[in-house]
Structure formats: structure tokens, C-alpha cells
Amino acid sequence: MKVSVVHDWFFVNGGAEKVAGDIIDIYEDEEVTVYTLFNHFNERDRKQVLKDYPVKVSILQHFPFITRIYRYLLPVMPFVMKQFRIQGQDMVISSSHAVAKGFTAIPGTLHVCYCHTPMRYVWDMYEDYANAHSMGASILYKAFVDYIRSWDLKTSKTVDFFIANSMHVQERIQRNYNRSSVVIYPPVRVDKFQLSTLPREDYFLCLGRFVPYKKIDLIIQAFQQMPDKKLVLIGDGYGTKAMKELLHRTPNVTWLGYKDDKELIQYIQQAKACIFAAKEDFGIMCVEVQACGTPVLALDYGGYRETVVDGKTGYLFAAQTTESIAAAVQQLDTHPLDDREAIRENALRFSVERFKEEFANYVKGCMQQFHKPKMKYAPQSS
């Protein structure tokens, strides 16, 4: 069987990229080809995610400094993605959080989309991104958003079956695209993130890329108001210059930069809790932390509502404010969550093996339905 997997782009080995890699692994015995706008993985990540499968890239691959400027190229990405005319395949699987589902669809070829999220910056989180953009209030910006929305809605109709990565995303697919979907939670490497007998230390932990929507600045500001509490930051990103300025004269906050997985896991295993303030559609790292038996303090939003058992594996806080974050920290100090086994047990329901089995079985059913006599087949709808 010939299978194509389309993913938006590869250069940071984040949650969506790991999901794409696991989808590829499901079809390791088939003839797989990967399509992406650009692939700037380092050798380690390429081997882990893409293995030795052939990867076809777009013209964006050859743009100078593409990993620095790609955010500004979103207006042209729909046109560039459309240049992928994928023919002679039995099935195309798109792994999409931006434009991956927008390749040129060939009639008669099954298209299954694993949707990490409808584009957040033009749909549900439009105001968040517009407020953070220097041109967010301009007519030009609004016209751009209208154009992308129109394109996104149009290409949603080329998908035969949608898979949502959470019930939160399932609801957004229904609301934004008027399409139904099934929920298959992403794979989490719970076997890699293990419990430890190491004693817990007196610090809270904040993990992730330093990008605006992660709201790491709010977490730092909350700890500036709690000088008796220690915060450790692990991560890097394009906001690091601003982060350095924010950390100036904040002795109770330590920034360690990037850490490899071995060191990262040790910090997770010894932390009192990890804090997540972003609006996440699922939040793989939040589950990884729980797999280590470490409680989480997370925003009461989206995927966290599905992965955190409030009062048992963590505490959900109400808003993206320093006051809410500080209150959650105080709540954990007052009412510790020490049942490490129970916290890990909650994470085990999101294993890689469970994902692969559910995904393979569902797609097999999609193929059977797709290849029924056409008058009996109708694409998944509302």
C-alpha cells in the first residue's frame, strides 16, 4: 500500500512532530512518502521522527533563515502547500495544525486528517494573537485573517475523515468547519518519563519553548510576587531576550536554558510541581510530567481539562493572571498531592501503544467505508 503523510513543517521536535513520527511508524511496512513545507531537523531528530523515509519539500526549504521567518510567510503557505499534487497513493494522512490539509486533493484518494487544532491564530485565539501583533488592529491584518479563514474552511471540505486530538479540538472542528470527528488522544512516551525514588526538592518547574502564547512571562511575574518560592525555567525560543530582561533582579527564578531529555526528566522527577499557563489544545508535556508522578498546576482550559484530574493529579487555575498562578502555588503548598503512583497512573492512559492501535483501527475502518460503492459512501459530516 502506498501512503503519504503530510505535515506542516519540521524543525522543532515538538508534540505535533512526534505524533507525525508515530503515524509514520504505524505504516512502516508500507511504501511511505512524507511531504512538508520545509525540513530543517537536525540529524538526531530526523532519525527519530522521519527515519529514512523519502521526504518531499516545497520551495520554502531553500529560503534563507526560513526557521526564523516562517511565521511571516503564513500568507503564502496555502499557495505553496497547494503545489503538492499527491498522486498514485492509496491514502493520504495529513498531520495539521496550520496548512497541511491543504495539498491538492486527487479525487478517489482517501484523505484522513489528524487535526492538532484548526489554525488558532485565525479562529478561537484570533484576539490573543491580534493583540500581540503590532498590526493586529489594522485593516490589512483583518483582511489577511479573512483570507486564511476562507481558505481553511474550503480545504476542510477536501478531508474525508477528521481525527481530533482532544474533545476540545473536536468541538472546534465542529464549530469552525461544521464537520464531525473522532477523538484519538496523542501518544505520550510514558515509558520514558518514569517515577523516581529521588527526594523532591523545594522548587517549582516551568518547561517549554519561550513563545508568547506559553505565557511564561506571567509565571515569572507571579514568582516575583512570591520571593520565598523558587522557580526553575527550562527551555529556549525566540523570546529569550525579553525573558532575560524579565529575569533581571529576580533571584528566586533560575533559567537553565535547553536541557537534554535525561537532565530534563531528572528536574521533573525532583520538582514540587510543574506549571502550565498556556491555552493548549492537548498538552503532551503536561502528561509527561504526570508520568513522572509530579503534580501539575495548569490553566483550566482545553486539553488540560481532559488530562488533569483536579485535586488528585494537579490543580487547575482559573485565568491567565499572576493572581491565579500564585493562588495555585499556595493551594499546592497548603494541600500537597503526594500520591505519585496515582498521578502516574492517570498518565498511562495516553501511551504510544494505545495511540497506534486506536489510529490504525480507525483508519482501517475509514478505508473500508471509503471504498464502498460511491452511492453508499458519504464523507464524515456534521
Protein backbone atom coordinates (compact mmCIF):
# COMPACT_ATOMS: atom_id res chain seq x y z
CA MET A 1 0.00 0.00 0.00
CA LYS A 2 1.22 3.50 -0.84
CA VAL A 3 0.75 6.01 1.97
CA SER A 4 1.63 9.71 2.03
CA VAL A 5 1.96 11.63 5.31
CA VAL A 6 1.74 15.42 5.08
CA HIS A 7 2.93 17.59 7.99
CA ASP A 8 3.18 21.38 8.11
CA TRP A 9 6.94 21.68 8.72
CA PHE A 10 9.77 20.04 10.63
CA PHE A 11 12.43 21.92 12.56
CA VAL A 12 11.50 21.76 16.26
CA ASN A 13 10.82 18.25 17.54
CA GLY A 14 7.68 19.17 19.44
CA GLY A 15 4.49 17.33 20.22
CA ALA A 16 2.96 17.56 16.73
CA GLU A 17 6.17 16.32 15.14
CA LYS A 18 6.34 13.33 17.47
CA VAL A 19 2.73 12.49 16.57
CA ALA A 20 3.61 12.65 12.88
CA GLY A 21 6.52 10.30 13.54
CA ASP A 22 4.29 7.79 15.31
CA ILE A 23 1.79 7.92 12.45
CA ILE A 24 4.64 7.15 10.04
CA ASP A 25 5.71 4.24 12.27
CA ILE A 26 2.24 2.68 12.03
CA TYR A 27 2.82 2.21 8.30
CA GLU A 28 6.45 1.13 8.46
CA ASP A 29 5.66 -1.97 6.39
CA GLU A 30 4.07 0.11 3.64
CA GLU A 31 5.52 2.42 0.99
CA VAL A 32 5.55 5.76 2.84
CA THR A 33 6.40 9.21 1.47
CA VAL A 34 6.45 12.34 3.64
CA TYR A 35 5.50 15.80 2.38
CA THR A 36 6.27 19.02 4.26
CA LEU A 37 6.83 22.72 3.55
CA PHE A 38 10.37 22.54 4.90
CA ASN A 39 12.51 20.08 6.82
CA HIS A 40 15.26 21.58 8.96
CA PHE A 41 15.50 18.84 11.55
CA ASN A 42 18.92 18.14 12.98
CA GLU A 43 20.25 14.64 12.35
CA ARG A 44 19.10 13.26 15.71
CA ASP A 45 15.51 14.45 15.26
CA ARG A 46 15.41 13.35 11.64
CA LYS A 47 16.38 9.81 12.62
CA GLN A 48 13.88 9.74 15.49
CA VAL A 49 10.86 11.11 13.60
CA LEU A 50 11.41 10.66 9.86
CA LYS A 51 13.69 7.64 9.90
CA ASP A 52 14.92 7.07 6.34
CA TYR A 53 11.61 7.66 4.58
CA PRO A 54 11.73 9.90 1.49
CA VAL A 55 10.77 13.49 2.31
CA LYS A 56 9.49 15.90 -0.33
CA VAL A 57 9.75 19.60 0.48
CA SER A 58 8.48 22.84 -1.03
CA ILE A 59 10.32 25.88 -2.31
CA LEU A 60 10.34 27.23 1.26
CA GLN A 61 13.05 24.69 2.06
CA HIS A 62 15.53 26.91 0.23
CA PHE A 63 14.56 30.26 1.74
CA PRO A 64 17.43 31.77 3.77
CA PHE A 65 16.74 31.81 7.51
CA ILE A 66 13.41 30.02 7.00
CA THR A 67 13.24 28.84 10.63
CA ARG A 68 13.42 32.48 11.76
CA ILE A 69 10.99 34.00 9.28
CA TYR A 70 8.42 31.26 8.63
CA ARG A 71 5.83 32.93 10.87
CA TYR A 72 5.76 35.87 8.45
CA LEU A 73 5.19 33.59 5.46
CA LEU A 74 1.79 32.29 6.55
CA PRO A 75 0.03 34.36 3.82
CA VAL A 76 1.85 32.38 1.10
CA MET A 77 1.77 28.97 2.76
CA PRO A 78 -1.66 27.97 1.39
CA PHE A 79 -0.44 28.59 -2.16
CA VAL A 80 2.81 26.71 -1.54
CA MET A 81 1.06 23.74 0.10
CA LYS A 82 -1.35 23.52 -2.82
CA GLN A 83 1.61 22.84 -5.14
CA PHE A 84 1.84 19.36 -3.62
CA ARG A 85 -0.28 17.32 -6.02
CA ILE A 86 -0.13 13.89 -4.44
CA GLN A 87 -0.99 11.20 -6.98
CA GLY A 88 -0.89 7.42 -7.18
CA GLN A 89 -1.42 6.88 -3.46
CA ASP A 90 -3.86 4.61 -1.66
CA MET A 91 -4.19 7.04 1.22
CA VAL A 92 -3.01 10.47 2.36
CA ILE A 93 -2.81 11.31 6.07
CA SER A 94 -2.35 14.96 6.97
CA SER A 95 -1.00 15.92 10.38
CA SER A 96 -2.18 19.50 10.53
CA HIS A 97 -2.00 22.45 12.90
CA ALA A 98 -1.68 25.02 10.11
CA VAL A 99 -1.87 24.24 6.38
CA ALA A 100 -1.02 20.53 5.92
CA LYS A 101 -4.54 19.51 4.93
CA GLY A 102 -4.44 22.00 2.01
CA PHE A 103 -2.46 19.96 -0.52
CA THR A 104 -4.12 19.42 -3.90
CA ALA A 105 -6.50 16.53 -3.33
CA ILE A 106 -6.83 13.94 -6.09
CA PRO A 107 -10.37 12.51 -6.48
CA GLY A 108 -10.53 8.88 -5.47
CA THR A 109 -7.73 9.10 -2.88
CA LEU A 110 -8.67 8.75 0.79
CA HIS A 111 -7.68 11.78 2.92
CA VAL A 112 -7.66 11.40 6.70
CA CYS A 113 -6.67 14.47 8.72
CA TYR A 114 -5.25 14.20 12.23
CA CYS A 115 -6.10 17.72 13.39
CA HIS A 116 -3.93 19.07 16.20
CA THR A 117 -6.07 22.20 16.02
CA PRO A 118 -7.83 24.38 13.48
CA MET A 119 -5.48 27.34 12.99
CA ARG A 120 -5.55 29.05 16.37
CA TYR A 121 -4.37 32.43 15.09
CA VAL A 122 -7.40 32.90 12.83
CA TRP A 123 -10.13 31.10 14.75
CA ASP A 124 -10.57 30.70 18.51
CA MET A 125 -7.40 32.51 19.60
CA TYR A 126 -7.63 35.26 16.99
CA GLU A 127 -7.88 38.04 19.59
CA ASP A 128 -4.90 36.71 21.57
CA TYR A 129 -2.67 36.75 18.52
CA ALA A 130 -4.03 40.05 17.16
CA ASN A 131 -3.43 41.79 20.49
CA ALA A 132 0.17 40.54 20.50
CA HIS A 133 0.80 41.66 16.89
CA SER A 134 1.90 45.21 16.06
CA MET A 135 -0.58 45.32 13.16
CA GLY A 136 -3.32 43.35 14.91
CA ALA A 137 -5.83 46.21 14.82
CA SER A 138 -5.17 47.14 11.18
CA ILE A 139 -7.48 46.60 8.21
CA LEU A 140 -4.67 44.72 6.47
CA TYR A 141 -4.37 42.22 9.31
CA LYS A 142 -8.12 41.63 9.40
CA ALA A 143 -8.20 41.14 5.62
CA PHE A 144 -5.40 38.58 5.92
CA VAL A 145 -7.33 36.69 8.62
CA ASP A 146 -10.48 36.67 6.47
CA TYR A 147 -8.48 35.25 3.56
CA ILE A 148 -6.91 32.49 5.65
CA ARG A 149 -10.25 31.60 7.24
CA SER A 150 -11.87 31.29 3.83
CA TRP A 151 -9.05 29.06 2.58
CA ASP A 152 -9.05 26.96 5.74
CA LEU A 153 -12.79 26.36 5.54
CA LYS A 154 -12.57 25.47 1.85
CA THR A 155 -9.79 22.92 2.36
CA SER A 156 -11.64 21.33 5.29
CA LYS A 157 -14.12 20.05 2.71
CA THR A 158 -11.38 18.03 0.97
CA VAL A 159 -10.90 15.90 4.10
CA ASP A 160 -12.84 12.63 4.12
CA PHE A 161 -12.39 11.89 7.82
CA PHE A 162 -11.22 14.12 10.67
CA ILE A 163 -9.47 12.87 13.81
CA ALA A 164 -9.28 15.37 16.69
CA ASN A 165 -6.51 15.24 19.27
CA SER A 166 -8.92 16.07 22.12
CA MET A 167 -12.57 16.73 22.85
CA HIS A 168 -11.64 20.42 22.96
CA VAL A 169 -10.39 20.27 19.36
CA GLN A 170 -13.33 18.09 18.34
CA GLU A 171 -15.68 20.88 19.43
CA ARG A 172 -13.63 23.46 17.49
CA ILE A 173 -13.67 21.33 14.32
CA GLN A 174 -17.45 21.14 14.59
CA ARG A 175 -17.84 24.87 15.26
CA ASN A 176 -15.32 26.18 12.72
CA TYR A 177 -15.61 23.61 9.91
CA ASN A 178 -19.09 22.17 10.58
CA ARG A 179 -17.51 18.71 10.44
CA SER A 180 -17.71 15.80 12.84
CA SER A 181 -14.62 13.97 14.05
CA VAL A 182 -13.48 11.21 16.37
CA VAL A 183 -11.10 11.80 19.26
CA ILE A 184 -7.82 9.89 19.41
CA TYR A 185 -5.55 11.36 22.05
CA PRO A 186 -1.91 11.94 21.03
CA PRO A 187 0.80 9.45 22.00
CA VAL A 188 2.84 10.23 25.11
CA ARG A 189 6.13 8.50 25.90
CA VAL A 190 5.09 7.45 29.36
CA ASP A 191 7.67 4.65 29.36
CA LYS A 192 10.44 7.24 29.05
CA PHE A 193 9.10 9.51 31.81
CA GLN A 194 9.30 7.33 34.90
CA LEU A 195 8.75 7.59 38.64
CA SER A 196 11.90 8.09 40.68
CA THR A 197 12.96 7.39 44.26
CA LEU A 198 14.90 10.66 44.31
CA PRO A 199 13.68 13.05 47.03
CA ARG A 200 11.62 16.05 45.95
CA GLU A 201 13.33 19.42 46.13
CA ASP A 202 11.91 22.81 47.03
CA TYR A 203 11.26 24.29 43.58
CA PHE A 204 8.51 24.64 41.02
CA LEU A 205 9.27 23.95 37.38
CA CYS A 206 8.25 25.64 34.14
CA LEU A 207 9.02 23.89 30.85
CA GLY A 208 8.64 24.70 27.18
CA ARG A 209 9.52 27.00 24.32
CA PHE A 210 9.67 30.69 25.19
CA VAL A 211 6.99 31.88 22.80
CA PRO A 212 4.24 34.41 23.66
CA TYR A 213 1.26 32.05 23.90
CA LYS A 214 3.02 29.92 26.55
CA LYS A 215 2.64 32.87 28.98
CA ILE A 216 5.91 32.06 30.73
CA ASP A 217 6.25 35.78 31.44
CA LEU A 218 3.14 35.57 33.64
CA ILE A 219 4.59 32.67 35.58
CA ILE A 220 7.79 34.63 36.20
CA GLN A 221 5.81 37.70 37.29
CA ALA A 222 3.81 35.54 39.69
CA PHE A 223 7.02 34.34 41.33
CA GLN A 224 8.34 37.88 41.51
CA GLN A 225 5.44 38.42 43.89
CA MET A 226 6.43 35.29 45.88
CA PRO A 227 10.13 35.82 46.68
CA ASP A 228 10.08 32.91 49.14
CA LYS A 229 9.17 30.44 46.35
CA LYS A 230 11.72 29.04 43.89
CA LEU A 231 11.04 28.67 40.17
CA VAL A 232 13.24 26.84 37.64
CA LEU A 233 12.80 27.52 33.91
CA ILE A 234 13.92 25.05 31.25
CA GLY A 235 13.56 25.93 27.60
CA ASP A 236 14.57 28.25 24.81
CA GLY A 237 12.96 30.18 21.99
CA TYR A 238 12.70 33.44 20.11
CA GLY A 239 11.52 35.29 23.22
CA THR A 240 14.68 34.64 25.22
CA LYS A 241 15.99 38.23 25.02
CA ALA A 242 12.80 39.56 26.60
CA MET A 243 12.96 36.70 29.10
CA LYS A 244 16.45 37.76 30.20
CA GLU A 245 15.22 41.28 30.80
CA LEU A 246 12.27 39.99 32.81
CA LEU A 247 14.56 37.83 34.95
CA HIS A 248 16.81 40.75 35.85
CA ARG A 249 16.89 41.14 39.64
CA THR A 250 14.69 38.09 40.25
CA PRO A 251 16.94 35.86 42.39
CA ASN A 252 14.25 33.27 43.16
CA VAL A 253 13.88 32.40 39.46
CA THR A 254 16.60 30.34 37.73
CA TRP A 255 16.73 29.90 33.97
CA LEU A 256 18.70 26.82 32.86
CA GLY A 257 18.14 27.07 29.08
CA TYR A 258 17.88 23.91 26.99
CA LYS A 259 18.37 20.53 28.67
CA ASP A 260 18.51 17.14 27.01
CA ASP A 261 15.84 14.58 27.90
CA LYS A 262 17.90 12.84 30.57
CA GLU A 263 18.51 16.03 32.54
CA LEU A 264 15.01 17.33 31.87
CA ILE A 265 13.42 14.21 33.33
CA GLN A 266 15.57 14.46 36.45
CA TYR A 267 14.38 18.01 37.05
CA ILE A 268 10.76 16.91 36.57
CA GLN A 269 11.18 13.99 38.96
CA GLN A 270 12.53 16.24 41.72
CA ALA A 271 10.17 19.22 41.33
CA LYS A 272 7.31 20.00 43.70
CA ALA A 273 5.10 20.65 40.68
CA CYS A 274 5.21 21.89 37.08
CA ILE A 275 3.25 24.94 35.95
CA PHE A 276 1.48 25.32 32.59
CA ALA A 277 -0.25 28.63 31.79
CA ALA A 278 -0.73 28.30 28.02
CA LYS A 279 -4.00 27.69 26.20
CA GLU A 280 -3.21 24.19 24.93
CA ASP A 281 -5.38 22.00 22.75
CA PHE A 282 -3.94 18.89 24.40
CA GLY A 283 -0.58 19.49 26.08
CA ILE A 284 1.70 16.46 25.75
CA MET A 285 4.30 17.81 28.17
CA CYS A 286 1.69 18.11 30.92
CA VAL A 287 1.06 14.35 30.60
CA GLU A 288 4.81 13.58 30.51
CA VAL A 289 5.20 15.41 33.82
CA GLN A 290 2.39 13.38 35.39
CA ALA A 291 4.03 10.18 34.11
CA CYS A 292 6.92 11.06 36.45
CA GLY A 293 4.47 11.22 39.35
CA THR A 294 4.84 15.00 39.53
CA PRO A 295 1.70 17.08 40.09
CA VAL A 296 0.85 19.93 37.73
CA LEU A 297 -0.64 23.39 38.08
CA ALA A 298 -2.42 24.08 34.81
CA LEU A 299 -4.79 26.57 33.25
CA ASP A 300 -8.43 25.47 33.39
CA TYR A 301 -8.70 25.31 29.60
CA GLY A 302 -8.74 22.93 26.67
CA GLY A 303 -6.80 19.71 26.85
CA TYR A 304 -5.73 20.21 30.46
CA ARG A 305 -9.35 19.59 31.48
CA GLU A 306 -9.04 16.16 29.87
CA THR A 307 -5.58 15.19 31.14
CA VAL A 308 -5.51 16.59 34.71
CA VAL A 309 -7.68 15.19 37.49
CA ASP A 310 -8.25 18.34 39.53
CA GLY A 311 -7.37 17.80 43.17
CA LYS A 312 -5.72 14.43 42.50
CA THR A 313 -3.00 14.81 39.84
CA GLY A 314 -2.85 18.59 39.92
CA TYR A 315 -4.79 21.81 40.36
CA LEU A 316 -6.46 23.79 37.60
CA PHE A 317 -6.35 27.58 37.96
CA ALA A 318 -8.99 29.86 36.51
CA ALA A 319 -7.23 32.53 34.45
CA GLN A 320 -4.01 33.61 32.77
CA THR A 321 -3.15 36.03 35.55
CA THR A 322 -0.38 36.27 38.12
CA GLU A 323 -3.02 36.12 40.86
CA SER A 324 -4.43 32.79 39.62
CA ILE A 325 -0.96 31.27 39.29
CA ALA A 326 0.08 32.44 42.76
CA ALA A 327 -3.16 31.06 44.24
CA ALA A 328 -2.48 27.65 42.65
CA VAL A 329 1.04 27.59 44.08
CA GLN A 330 -0.35 28.40 47.52
CA GLN A 331 -3.02 25.70 47.12
CA LEU A 332 -0.41 23.04 46.41
CA ASP A 333 1.71 24.14 49.36
CA THR A 334 -1.33 24.00 51.63
CA HIS A 335 -2.74 20.77 50.20
CA PRO A 336 0.13 18.74 48.68
CA LEU A 337 -0.60 15.99 46.15
CA ASP A 338 1.72 13.19 47.20
CA ASP A 339 0.17 10.06 45.66
CA ARG A 340 2.84 9.71 42.97
CA GLU A 341 1.56 6.33 41.78
CA ALA A 342 -1.94 7.71 41.20
CA ILE A 343 -0.53 10.68 39.29
CA ARG A 344 1.47 8.36 37.04
CA GLU A 345 -1.47 6.01 36.59
CA ASN A 346 -3.51 8.87 35.15
CA ALA A 347 -0.81 9.48 32.52
CA LEU A 348 -0.61 5.84 31.43
CA ARG A 349 -3.92 6.08 29.54
CA PHE A 350 -2.15 8.21 26.90
CA SER A 351 0.55 5.71 25.86
CA VAL A 352 2.11 5.40 22.41
CA GLU A 353 0.85 1.82 22.07
CA ARG A 354 -2.74 2.88 22.76
CA PHE A 355 -2.47 5.66 20.14
CA LYS A 356 -1.09 3.39 17.42
CA GLU A 357 -3.74 0.75 17.98
CA GLU A 358 -6.64 3.22 18.00
CA PHE A 359 -5.31 5.13 14.99
CA ALA A 360 -4.64 2.04 12.87
CA ASN A 361 -8.04 0.53 13.64
CA TYR A 362 -9.92 3.73 12.89
CA VAL A 363 -8.12 4.39 9.60
CA LYS A 364 -8.72 0.80 8.55
CA GLY A 365 -12.43 1.42 9.04
CA CYS A 366 -12.17 4.67 7.05
CA MET A 367 -10.63 2.79 4.12
CA GLN A 368 -13.38 0.18 4.18
CA GLN A 369 -16.06 2.85 4.16
CA PHE A 370 -14.30 4.95 1.52
CA HIS A 371 -14.06 2.06 -0.91
CA LYS A 372 -17.68 1.02 -0.65
CA PRO A 373 -19.81 1.72 -3.75
CA LYS A 374 -19.84 5.51 -4.08
CA MET A 375 -23.60 5.91 -3.81
CA LYS A 376 -23.36 4.37 -0.32
CA TYR A 377 -20.34 6.41 0.79
CA ALA A 378 -20.51 9.93 2.16
CA PRO A 379 -17.65 11.86 3.78
CA GLN A 380 -17.76 12.25 7.53
CA SER A 381 -20.01 15.23 8.20
CA SER A 382 -21.85 17.01 10.95
